[in-house]
Amino acid sequence: MKYTAKQITKAGEVLTTSKDKDAVVAATKKINDWRELHLPVIEKLMMELRLIFANTPIVFDFSSYRLKRMTSIQYKLDFNPQMGLGGMQDIAGGRFVFSDIKNLLSAYSLLQKQVPSYFELVKEDDYVSAPKESGYRSIHLVYRYHSESEEDWDKMKVEIQLRTKLQHSWAMAVETAGLVTNTAMKSGQGSDEWQLFFHLVSCLFATREHTQKLAKYSNEPTISIIDKLQKLNNKYKFSDQLLALNFSFKVVERKAYQGEMYLLYINFKTKQLSISSFEKESSDVANTQYNRLENRIKDGENAVVLVSVSDFKELKEAYPSYFLDMEDFNNVLMTYLSVGKKRPSYYR
């Protein structure tokens, strides 16, 4: 590889702890270069996985991939400093979202057996069978790339997430709430009340999919969880806060978006989203603009991410947090908040 794990870990330490501005600039440049090197690897893996699924009855609703935001890298290093940046496995991440749990589990079973050429499956995390303490549910697969002819990318690791649409809507709602409240909510930060809200919703979503709830709620009746959610929401009006986002946001539209890569820049003060599109051949230009905008980011005021989807129509569905759009999440949430004495069977 172009950089060793030790070199990148050192750059990460400089980024998060040094007060020397020149040293931080140099470290940031190295990290950006290293981050960009992941792009061809995740592109190749996503293409291979799509080909694997194409020869099966398994259907996914959409897929996407992205390079991790610098602010997310810093949050993760601050939250887990002993890991070191050289050991971070999701600098480039791909995602497949499935309509239901059956397709998700079939995909997981298939990918455990069928690994793309030149890749090695080095780690599996099943957060569906054992959800994270935050309530997060998904399946993560970490792959290592092997290449004798492409030394810059040899042994590079990338991560793939497998989710259902319901799991995806929960994760995107957490991310949206984190963006708006300026907290790393998906890393377990944020107020206790917000955390409890998403814990309870996660348990109800798990019940809906007949999968494992958070351990501390495993023996609690679903009706009791619904009652707790309703009381919490009545007190803090979380659902109103989430619904309000949909009606206060504008997207800066252009006549047409064409390309495979999209740069999303969100301004929380003006409540506007700017979108720039790039062809794959212009990835260098896209990354340069990405790095430039990241240097201007101020927490709580704006955010930027560079992503790729197969079709522009899938962009909002894949990254609703950047559109402040939680319609899917809110629709399911309201079915629980409006539950009366007569409850459908899946609430029991």
Protein backbone atom coordinates (compact mmCIF):
# COMPACT_ATOMS: atom_id res chain seq x y z
CA MET A 1 0.00 0.00 0.00
CA LYS A 2 1.06 3.60 -0.53
CA TYR A 3 0.74 4.27 3.20
CA THR A 4 1.32 1.94 6.13
CA ALA A 5 -1.19 1.63 8.96
CA LYS A 6 1.37 3.26 11.29
CA GLN A 7 1.77 6.28 8.98
CA ILE A 8 -1.99 6.82 8.79
CA THR A 9 -2.50 6.29 12.51
CA LYS A 10 0.18 8.92 13.16
CA ALA A 11 -1.57 11.33 10.78
CA GLY A 12 -4.82 10.69 12.65
CA GLU A 13 -3.15 11.48 15.97
CA VAL A 14 -1.79 14.74 14.59
CA LEU A 15 -5.22 15.64 13.21
CA THR A 16 -6.97 15.14 16.56
CA THR A 17 -4.33 16.31 19.06
CA SER A 18 -1.75 18.64 17.47
CA LYS A 19 -1.87 22.43 17.92
CA ASP A 20 0.67 22.94 15.12
CA LYS A 21 -1.39 24.28 12.20
CA ASP A 22 1.17 23.32 9.55
CA ALA A 23 1.36 19.78 10.93
CA VAL A 24 -2.44 19.48 10.91
CA VAL A 25 -2.60 20.71 7.28
CA ALA A 26 0.03 18.14 6.23
CA ALA A 27 -1.74 15.35 8.13
CA THR A 28 -5.10 16.28 6.61
CA LYS A 29 -3.60 16.20 3.11
CA LYS A 30 -2.17 12.72 3.73
CA ILE A 31 -5.48 11.44 5.14
CA ASN A 32 -7.42 12.86 2.19
CA ASP A 33 -5.04 11.19 -0.25
CA TRP A 34 -5.34 7.89 1.62
CA ARG A 35 -9.13 8.19 1.73
CA GLU A 36 -9.33 8.76 -2.03
CA LEU A 37 -7.26 5.62 -2.67
CA HIS A 38 -10.19 3.60 -1.28
CA LEU A 39 -12.52 4.72 -4.06
CA PRO A 40 -11.43 2.28 -6.83
CA VAL A 41 -11.52 -0.60 -4.32
CA ILE A 42 -15.07 0.05 -3.12
CA GLU A 43 -16.20 0.59 -6.72
CA LYS A 44 -14.78 -2.78 -7.76
CA LEU A 45 -16.30 -4.59 -4.78
CA MET A 46 -19.75 -3.07 -5.32
CA MET A 47 -19.69 -4.09 -8.98
CA GLU A 48 -18.73 -7.66 -8.05
CA LEU A 49 -21.43 -7.94 -5.39
CA ARG A 50 -24.11 -6.64 -7.77
CA LEU A 51 -23.08 -9.36 -10.24
CA ILE A 52 -23.38 -11.99 -7.51
CA PHE A 53 -26.91 -10.85 -6.62
CA ALA A 54 -27.89 -10.66 -10.32
CA ASN A 55 -27.63 -14.43 -10.61
CA THR A 56 -29.96 -15.12 -7.67
CA PRO A 57 -33.61 -14.50 -6.71
CA ILE A 58 -32.38 -12.00 -4.09
CA VAL A 59 -33.66 -8.50 -4.76
CA PHE A 60 -32.27 -5.30 -3.24
CA ASP A 61 -34.11 -1.99 -3.43
CA PHE A 62 -31.01 0.15 -4.00
CA SER A 63 -27.29 0.30 -3.38
CA SER A 64 -24.79 3.10 -2.79
CA TYR A 65 -21.28 3.79 -1.58
CA ARG A 66 -19.39 6.71 -0.09
CA LEU A 67 -16.10 7.91 1.35
CA LYS A 68 -16.30 8.65 5.07
CA ARG A 69 -16.62 12.33 5.98
CA MET A 70 -13.63 13.89 7.72
CA THR A 71 -15.85 15.01 10.61
CA SER A 72 -17.06 11.41 11.02
CA ILE A 73 -13.45 10.22 11.02
CA GLN A 74 -12.59 12.71 13.77
CA TYR A 75 -15.69 11.81 15.82
CA LYS A 76 -14.80 8.14 15.62
CA LEU A 77 -11.18 8.74 16.63
CA ASP A 78 -12.27 10.91 19.57
CA PHE A 79 -14.79 8.28 20.67
CA ASN A 80 -12.41 5.33 20.24
CA PRO A 81 -8.80 6.70 20.23
CA GLN A 82 -7.15 3.35 20.93
CA MET A 83 -8.36 2.05 17.56
CA GLY A 84 -6.14 4.38 15.52
CA LEU A 85 -6.97 5.68 12.06
CA GLY A 86 -4.88 2.93 10.42
CA GLY A 87 -7.26 0.38 11.88
CA MET A 88 -10.48 2.07 10.71
CA GLN A 89 -12.24 -0.29 8.32
CA ASP A 90 -15.08 1.85 6.95
CA ILE A 91 -13.19 4.72 5.31
CA ALA A 92 -14.97 3.53 2.16
CA GLY A 93 -18.36 1.96 2.70
CA GLY A 94 -20.94 0.37 0.45
CA ARG A 95 -24.54 -0.40 1.26
CA PHE A 96 -27.28 -2.67 -0.03
CA VAL A 97 -30.83 -2.01 1.18
CA PHE A 98 -33.45 -4.76 0.96
CA SER A 99 -37.22 -4.54 1.12
CA ASP A 100 -37.57 -7.13 3.87
CA ILE A 101 -35.70 -9.28 6.37
CA LYS A 102 -36.01 -12.43 4.24
CA ASN A 103 -34.00 -10.92 1.37
CA LEU A 104 -31.49 -9.44 3.81
CA LEU A 105 -30.77 -12.77 5.53
CA SER A 106 -30.60 -14.59 2.20
CA ALA A 107 -28.06 -12.04 0.97
CA TYR A 108 -25.99 -12.42 4.13
CA SER A 109 -25.99 -16.21 3.83
CA LEU A 110 -24.94 -15.99 0.18
CA LEU A 111 -22.08 -13.54 0.78
CA GLN A 112 -20.71 -15.69 3.59
CA LYS A 113 -20.18 -18.43 1.01
CA GLN A 114 -19.45 -16.49 -2.16
CA VAL A 115 -16.56 -14.00 -1.97
CA PRO A 116 -15.58 -11.91 -5.03
CA SER A 117 -12.26 -12.59 -6.74
CA TYR A 118 -9.26 -10.74 -5.29
CA PHE A 119 -11.19 -10.02 -2.10
CA GLU A 120 -11.04 -11.69 1.30
CA LEU A 121 -13.90 -11.55 3.80
CA VAL A 122 -12.03 -10.73 7.02
CA LYS A 123 -14.77 -9.72 9.45
CA GLU A 124 -18.52 -10.11 9.97
CA ASP A 125 -20.70 -8.20 12.45
CA ASP A 126 -24.33 -9.26 12.72
CA TYR A 127 -26.09 -6.38 14.44
CA VAL A 128 -29.46 -7.84 13.50
CA SER A 129 -29.08 -10.89 15.74
CA ALA A 130 -27.32 -8.76 18.37
CA PRO A 131 -28.17 -5.05 17.99
CA LYS A 132 -25.72 -2.40 19.15
CA GLU A 133 -26.46 -0.68 22.47
CA SER A 134 -27.59 2.37 20.48
CA GLY A 135 -30.33 0.28 18.86
CA TYR A 136 -28.53 0.13 15.52
CA ARG A 137 -29.37 -2.96 13.43
CA SER A 138 -27.57 -4.00 10.26
CA ILE A 139 -25.03 -6.52 9.00
CA HIS A 140 -21.47 -5.38 8.33
CA LEU A 141 -18.96 -7.24 6.19
CA VAL A 142 -15.32 -6.11 5.98
CA TYR A 143 -13.33 -7.12 2.90
CA ARG A 144 -9.60 -6.92 2.20
CA TYR A 145 -8.45 -6.37 -1.38
CA HIS A 146 -5.47 -8.30 -2.77
CA SER A 147 -3.56 -7.17 -5.85
CA GLU A 148 -0.01 -7.74 -7.05
CA SER A 149 -0.26 -5.24 -9.90
CA GLU A 150 -1.92 -2.37 -7.98
CA GLU A 151 0.33 -1.79 -5.00
CA ASP A 152 -1.42 1.39 -3.83
CA TRP A 153 -4.59 -0.60 -3.16
CA ASP A 154 -3.15 -3.93 -2.06
CA LYS A 155 -4.46 -5.09 1.36
CA MET A 156 -6.85 -2.14 1.59
CA LYS A 157 -10.02 -2.76 3.63
CA VAL A 158 -13.54 -1.58 2.84
CA GLU A 159 -16.89 -2.26 4.49
CA ILE A 160 -20.28 -3.35 3.16
CA GLN A 161 -23.54 -2.83 5.05
CA LEU A 162 -26.66 -4.93 4.50
CA ARG A 163 -29.91 -3.38 5.77
CA THR A 164 -33.64 -3.62 5.35
CA LYS A 165 -35.55 -0.45 4.42
CA LEU A 166 -36.89 -0.29 7.98
CA GLN A 167 -33.41 -0.58 9.49
CA HIS A 168 -32.17 2.02 7.01
CA SER A 169 -34.95 4.47 7.91
CA TRP A 170 -34.04 4.18 11.60
CA ALA A 171 -30.30 4.71 10.96
CA MET A 172 -30.96 7.70 8.70
CA ALA A 173 -33.32 9.25 11.29
CA VAL A 174 -30.59 8.94 13.92
CA GLU A 175 -28.08 10.53 11.53
CA THR A 176 -30.48 13.35 10.68
CA ALA A 177 -31.17 14.06 14.35
CA GLY A 178 -27.41 14.05 14.92
CA LEU A 179 -26.80 16.54 12.10
CA VAL A 180 -29.51 18.87 13.36
CA THR A 181 -28.56 18.66 17.07
CA ASN A 182 -24.81 18.77 16.28
CA THR A 183 -24.08 15.53 18.16
CA ALA A 184 -22.61 12.19 17.09
CA MET A 185 -25.87 10.52 18.00
CA LYS A 186 -25.13 7.35 16.05
CA SER A 187 -22.00 6.92 18.22
CA GLY A 188 -24.07 7.00 21.40
CA GLN A 189 -23.82 10.72 22.06
CA GLY A 190 -26.69 13.17 22.38
CA SER A 191 -29.19 13.64 25.19
CA ASP A 192 -30.41 10.67 27.23
CA GLU A 193 -33.97 11.44 26.11
CA TRP A 194 -33.11 11.29 22.39
CA GLN A 195 -31.14 8.09 22.97
CA LEU A 196 -34.06 6.47 24.80
CA PHE A 197 -36.44 7.53 22.03
CA PHE A 198 -34.36 5.77 19.38
CA HIS A 199 -33.84 2.70 21.63
CA LEU A 200 -37.60 2.23 21.97
CA VAL A 201 -38.24 2.76 18.25
CA SER A 202 -35.47 0.29 17.39
CA CYS A 203 -37.14 -2.35 19.56
CA LEU A 204 -40.50 -1.79 17.90
CA PHE A 205 -38.94 -1.98 14.43
CA ALA A 206 -37.22 -5.23 15.44
CA THR A 207 -40.54 -6.64 16.62
CA ARG A 208 -42.09 -5.67 13.31
CA GLU A 209 -39.39 -7.67 11.49
CA HIS A 210 -39.47 -10.56 14.00
CA THR A 211 -35.81 -10.06 14.91
CA GLN A 212 -33.92 -9.51 18.16
CA LYS A 213 -34.66 -6.44 20.29
CA LEU A 214 -32.11 -4.67 22.49
CA ALA A 215 -31.06 -7.01 25.29
CA LYS A 216 -32.46 -4.85 28.10
CA TYR A 217 -35.91 -4.95 26.47
CA SER A 218 -35.80 -8.59 25.35
CA ASN A 219 -38.40 -9.75 27.89
CA GLU A 220 -40.55 -6.64 27.86
CA PRO A 221 -43.95 -6.90 26.12
CA THR A 222 -44.27 -4.84 22.98
CA ILE A 223 -47.33 -3.05 24.37
CA SER A 224 -45.22 -1.84 27.30
CA ILE A 225 -42.54 -0.49 24.92
CA ILE A 226 -45.23 1.34 22.93
CA ASP A 227 -46.59 2.91 26.11
CA LYS A 228 -43.11 4.10 27.10
CA LEU A 229 -42.57 5.58 23.65
CA GLN A 230 -45.90 7.40 23.74
CA LYS A 231 -45.23 8.90 27.20
CA LEU A 232 -41.71 9.98 26.21
CA ASN A 233 -42.96 11.55 22.98
CA ASN A 234 -45.84 13.32 24.73
CA LYS A 235 -43.29 14.95 27.05
CA TYR A 236 -40.55 15.90 24.58
CA LYS A 237 -42.46 16.09 21.26
CA PHE A 238 -39.72 14.29 19.34
CA SER A 239 -42.07 13.27 16.53
CA ASP A 240 -43.10 16.91 16.03
CA GLN A 241 -39.43 17.93 15.80
CA LEU A 242 -38.75 15.27 13.18
CA LEU A 243 -41.87 16.06 11.18
CA ALA A 244 -41.06 19.78 11.21
CA LEU A 245 -37.80 19.16 9.35
CA ASN A 246 -39.66 18.00 6.26
CA PHE A 247 -41.51 21.30 5.96
CA SER A 248 -38.58 23.66 6.49
CA PHE A 249 -36.07 22.43 3.96
CA LYS A 250 -35.29 23.41 0.37
CA VAL A 251 -33.22 21.67 -2.28
CA VAL A 252 -31.33 23.82 -4.74
CA GLU A 253 -32.52 22.28 -7.99
CA ARG A 254 -30.69 22.25 -11.28
CA LYS A 255 -32.20 21.44 -14.65
CA ALA A 256 -30.72 17.96 -14.69
CA TYR A 257 -28.32 15.83 -12.70
CA GLN A 258 -26.24 13.36 -14.65
CA GLY A 259 -23.35 11.30 -13.40
CA GLU A 260 -22.45 8.58 -10.95
CA MET A 261 -21.01 10.65 -8.10
CA TYR A 262 -22.80 13.37 -6.14
CA LEU A 263 -21.46 15.99 -3.77
CA LEU A 264 -24.12 16.95 -1.21
CA TYR A 265 -23.60 20.16 0.75
CA ILE A 266 -26.17 21.02 3.41
CA ASN A 267 -26.51 24.43 5.09
CA PHE A 268 -28.54 24.25 8.30
CA LYS A 269 -28.84 28.03 8.64
CA THR A 270 -30.43 28.61 5.25
CA LYS A 271 -31.95 25.10 5.22
CA GLN A 272 -30.73 24.48 1.70
CA LEU A 273 -29.04 21.56 0.01
CA SER A 274 -26.66 22.02 -2.93
CA ILE A 275 -25.99 19.09 -5.24
CA SER A 276 -23.12 18.74 -7.70
CA SER A 277 -22.86 15.73 -10.01
CA PHE A 278 -19.77 14.14 -11.57
CA GLU A 279 -19.04 11.34 -13.99
CA LYS A 280 -16.83 8.55 -12.64
CA GLU A 281 -13.99 9.75 -14.87
CA SER A 282 -14.04 13.05 -12.97
CA SER A 283 -13.57 11.50 -9.52
CA ASP A 284 -10.37 13.54 -9.00
CA VAL A 285 -12.31 16.76 -9.52
CA ALA A 286 -15.07 15.54 -7.21
CA ASN A 287 -12.59 14.65 -4.48
CA THR A 288 -10.82 18.00 -4.80
CA GLN A 289 -14.11 19.85 -4.31
CA TYR A 290 -15.03 17.50 -1.46
CA ASN A 291 -11.76 18.26 0.35
CA ARG A 292 -12.15 22.00 -0.27
CA LEU A 293 -15.67 22.09 1.19
CA GLU A 294 -14.67 19.94 4.17
CA ASN A 295 -12.07 22.53 5.14
CA ARG A 296 -14.90 25.08 5.48
CA ILE A 297 -17.24 22.91 7.54
CA LYS A 298 -18.40 24.17 10.93
CA ASP A 299 -20.25 21.72 13.17
CA GLY A 300 -23.91 22.57 13.52
CA GLU A 301 -23.85 24.96 10.55
CA ASN A 302 -23.16 22.76 7.53
CA ALA A 303 -22.07 19.31 6.36
CA VAL A 304 -20.83 17.70 3.16
CA VAL A 305 -20.53 14.17 1.79
CA LEU A 306 -19.44 12.59 -1.50
CA VAL A 307 -21.55 9.59 -2.50
CA SER A 308 -22.26 7.33 -5.45
CA VAL A 309 -25.53 5.74 -6.54
CA SER A 310 -26.46 3.92 -9.73
CA ASP A 311 -29.23 6.40 -10.54
CA PHE A 312 -30.01 9.94 -9.35
CA LYS A 313 -33.52 8.83 -8.40
CA GLU A 314 -31.95 6.66 -5.69
CA LEU A 315 -29.96 9.50 -4.14
CA LYS A 316 -32.67 10.77 -1.81
CA GLU A 317 -33.64 7.23 -0.85
CA ALA A 318 -30.05 6.25 -0.09
CA TYR A 319 -29.13 9.43 1.82
CA PRO A 320 -32.37 10.96 3.16
CA SER A 321 -30.49 12.53 6.09
CA TYR A 322 -28.97 15.08 3.70
CA PHE A 323 -32.42 16.00 2.45
CA LEU A 324 -33.71 16.10 6.03
CA ASP A 325 -36.31 13.65 4.77
CA MET A 326 -37.54 11.01 7.19
CA GLU A 327 -40.88 10.21 5.62
CA ASP A 328 -40.40 6.43 5.79
CA PHE A 329 -39.33 6.59 9.43
CA ASN A 330 -42.11 8.99 10.40
CA ASN A 331 -44.82 6.94 8.69
CA VAL A 332 -43.97 3.82 10.69
CA LEU A 333 -43.38 5.81 13.87
CA MET A 334 -46.85 7.33 13.69
CA THR A 335 -48.46 3.89 13.54
CA TYR A 336 -47.09 3.27 17.05
CA LEU A 337 -47.81 6.73 18.43
CA SER A 338 -51.42 6.48 17.28
CA VAL A 339 -52.05 3.02 18.69
CA GLY A 340 -55.16 2.86 20.88
CA LYS A 341 -56.74 0.05 22.83
CA LYS A 342 -57.27 -2.08 19.74
CA ARG A 343 -53.82 -3.13 18.58
CA PRO A 344 -52.88 -5.06 15.44
CA SER A 345 -51.33 -8.50 16.05
CA TYR A 346 -47.75 -7.35 15.39
CA TYR A 347 -47.88 -5.03 18.44
CA ARG A 348 -48.46 -7.94 20.83
